[in-house]
Amino acid sequence: MSIAVFAGSFDPFTLGHLDILESGAEIFDKVIVAVAKNINKQGFLPVEVRVKLIEECVAGFKNVEVTAYDGLTVEFAKSVGANVLLRGLRNEQDFSYELQISQTNSAISEDIKTVFLVTKPEHSYISSSAVREILKFQGDVSKLVPEVVNNYLKAQ
């Protein structure tokens, strides 16, 4: 069974994230969306809220699970029996950043491979940080995040 971990802060979860997840769910037997608890950062949304929102976004997927984790991503992947880290790419800058992380992860554990998936062009400009910036100025993010996430953000 091929198990992939799709790890990130997902703060908040965007249509770009969902696009990568949909592709990953078609390729792998199981995908675990792993929401990182970063002790060095104050999150925009609490980790528990992010997990709940992503669970609602993926309710129709039979082979996707959502959980929070802390520590090294490769160690988390090993603990759940995953052999792949799933990473999304939007552009060349993402590739440069993700390549360095992938090589570091390989140095920690050669057993865990990284697979890069490229988002659809219509999602290539979307980032969680852009969503947060737009929200800061009371802008509309409905075209950037899943409906469940948008409804939550509007209610805040």
Protein backbone atom coordinates (compact mmCIF):
# COMPACT_ATOMS: atom_id res chain seq x y z
CA MET A 1 0.00 0.00 0.00
CA SER A 2 1.39 3.39 -0.94
CA ILE A 3 0.89 5.99 1.77
CA ALA A 4 1.79 9.63 1.21
CA VAL A 5 2.01 12.41 3.77
CA PHE A 6 0.96 15.85 2.56
CA ALA A 7 2.40 18.06 5.29
CA GLY A 8 2.15 21.80 5.76
CA SER A 9 0.82 24.55 7.93
CA PHE A 10 -2.27 25.01 5.72
CA ASP A 11 -2.95 28.34 7.44
CA PRO A 12 -5.50 28.57 5.85
CA PHE A 13 -6.14 25.65 3.46
CA THR A 14 -6.43 26.97 -0.12
CA LEU A 15 -7.76 25.78 -3.46
CA GLY A 16 -4.14 25.16 -4.45
CA HIS A 17 -3.72 22.78 -1.52
CA LEU A 18 -6.96 21.05 -2.45
CA ASP A 19 -5.80 20.71 -6.07
CA ILE A 20 -2.57 18.99 -5.02
CA LEU A 21 -4.46 16.77 -2.58
CA GLU A 22 -6.97 15.70 -5.24
CA SER A 23 -4.13 14.67 -7.55
CA GLY A 24 -2.32 12.87 -4.74
CA ALA A 25 -5.47 10.99 -3.76
CA GLU A 26 -5.68 9.66 -7.33
CA ILE A 27 -2.07 8.44 -7.28
CA PHE A 28 -1.63 7.02 -3.77
CA ASP A 29 -3.66 4.43 -1.89
CA LYS A 30 -3.82 6.72 1.12
CA VAL A 31 -2.92 10.36 1.72
CA ILE A 32 -2.51 11.76 5.21
CA VAL A 33 -2.85 15.52 5.40
CA ALA A 34 -0.52 16.42 8.25
CA VAL A 35 -1.08 19.86 9.75
CA ALA A 36 2.14 21.05 11.31
CA LYS A 37 2.19 22.49 14.80
CA ASN A 38 4.97 25.06 14.49
CA ILE A 39 6.05 26.13 17.97
CA ASN A 40 8.10 28.98 16.44
CA LYS A 41 5.10 30.64 14.81
CA GLN A 42 1.82 32.04 16.04
CA GLY A 43 -0.70 30.63 13.59
CA PHE A 44 -3.42 32.65 11.91
CA LEU A 45 -5.92 29.89 12.68
CA PRO A 46 -5.52 27.45 15.58
CA VAL A 47 -4.24 24.04 14.47
CA GLU A 48 -7.44 22.35 15.68
CA VAL A 49 -9.54 24.65 13.49
CA ARG A 50 -7.32 23.98 10.46
CA VAL A 51 -7.69 20.22 10.97
CA LYS A 52 -11.47 20.50 11.29
CA LEU A 53 -11.81 22.69 8.18
CA ILE A 54 -9.62 20.39 6.08
CA GLU A 55 -11.61 17.37 7.30
CA GLU A 56 -14.76 19.08 6.04
CA CYS A 57 -13.08 19.90 2.69
CA VAL A 58 -12.05 16.26 2.15
CA ALA A 59 -15.17 14.57 3.51
CA GLY A 60 -15.84 13.03 0.08
CA PHE A 61 -12.41 11.40 -0.21
CA LYS A 62 -12.32 7.78 0.91
CA ASN A 63 -8.52 7.56 1.07
CA VAL A 64 -7.64 10.83 2.83
CA GLU A 65 -7.08 11.36 6.55
CA VAL A 66 -6.29 14.61 8.37
CA THR A 67 -4.26 14.94 11.55
CA ALA A 68 -1.98 17.37 13.36
CA TYR A 69 1.63 16.60 14.17
CA ASP A 70 4.77 18.15 15.55
CA GLY A 71 8.41 17.31 15.10
CA LEU A 72 10.23 16.27 11.96
CA THR A 73 8.01 15.49 9.00
CA VAL A 74 10.08 12.44 7.98
CA GLU A 75 9.76 11.01 11.49
CA PHE A 76 6.00 11.57 11.39
CA ALA A 77 5.85 9.86 7.99
CA LYS A 78 7.71 6.84 9.36
CA SER A 79 5.37 6.68 12.36
CA VAL A 80 2.31 6.34 10.10
CA GLY A 81 3.94 3.89 7.68
CA ALA A 82 4.24 6.39 4.83
CA ASN A 83 6.96 6.04 2.22
CA VAL A 84 6.28 9.30 0.35
CA LEU A 85 6.14 12.99 1.18
CA LEU A 86 3.76 14.77 -1.17
CA ARG A 87 4.68 18.37 -1.97
CA GLY A 88 2.98 20.94 -4.16
CA LEU A 89 4.67 23.30 -6.57
CA ARG A 90 3.28 26.54 -7.97
CA ASN A 91 6.36 28.04 -9.59
CA GLU A 92 10.16 28.01 -9.83
CA GLN A 93 10.61 29.61 -6.42
CA ASP A 94 8.60 26.80 -4.82
CA PHE A 95 10.82 24.27 -6.58
CA SER A 96 14.03 25.83 -5.24
CA TYR A 97 12.65 25.89 -1.70
CA GLU A 98 11.14 22.40 -1.88
CA LEU A 99 14.27 20.89 -3.44
CA GLN A 100 16.35 21.96 -0.43
CA ILE A 101 13.79 20.50 1.98
CA SER A 102 13.60 17.28 -0.03
CA GLN A 103 17.36 16.86 0.02
CA THR A 104 17.48 17.51 3.77
CA ASN A 105 14.72 14.95 4.33
CA SER A 106 16.66 12.42 2.22
CA ALA A 107 19.72 12.97 4.41
CA ILE A 108 17.59 12.21 7.47
CA SER A 109 15.87 9.17 5.95
CA GLU A 110 16.65 7.64 2.58
CA ASP A 111 13.53 5.46 2.90
CA ILE A 112 11.15 8.41 2.53
CA LYS A 113 10.87 9.76 -1.02
CA THR A 114 9.48 13.15 -2.01
CA VAL A 115 7.01 13.48 -4.89
CA PHE A 116 6.33 16.90 -6.34
CA LEU A 117 2.99 17.68 -7.97
CA VAL A 118 2.36 20.89 -9.87
CA THR A 119 -0.87 22.76 -9.24
CA LYS A 120 -3.18 23.75 -12.07
CA PRO A 121 -2.32 27.13 -13.62
CA GLU A 122 -5.48 28.72 -12.23
CA HIS A 123 -4.20 28.06 -8.71
CA SER A 124 -0.54 28.91 -9.25
CA TYR A 125 -0.77 32.37 -7.68
CA ILE A 126 -2.62 31.29 -4.53
CA SER A 127 -0.76 31.13 -1.22
CA SER A 128 -1.90 31.05 2.37
CA SER A 129 0.10 34.20 3.06
CA ALA A 130 -1.72 36.03 0.23
CA VAL A 131 -5.05 34.88 1.66
CA ARG A 132 -4.07 36.18 5.10
CA GLU A 133 -2.97 39.52 3.63
CA ILE A 134 -6.26 39.95 1.74
CA LEU A 135 -8.23 39.08 4.88
CA LYS A 136 -6.24 41.61 6.88
CA PHE A 137 -7.81 44.31 4.70
CA GLN A 138 -11.27 42.71 4.69
CA GLY A 139 -10.94 41.52 1.08
CA ASP A 140 -12.83 38.70 -0.61
CA VAL A 141 -10.98 35.37 -0.67
CA SER A 142 -13.85 33.25 -1.99
CA LYS A 143 -11.96 32.47 -5.21
CA LEU A 144 -8.85 31.35 -3.30
CA VAL A 145 -10.14 28.94 -0.65
CA PRO A 146 -12.67 26.09 -0.54
CA GLU A 147 -16.22 27.14 0.32
CA VAL A 148 -16.02 25.58 3.80
CA VAL A 149 -12.94 27.65 4.61
CA ASN A 150 -14.44 30.81 3.13
CA ASN A 151 -17.62 30.41 5.18
CA TYR A 152 -15.57 29.97 8.35
CA LEU A 153 -13.40 32.99 7.61
CA LYS A 154 -16.40 35.19 6.84
CA ALA A 155 -18.02 34.23 10.15
CA GLN A 156 -14.99 35.39 12.14
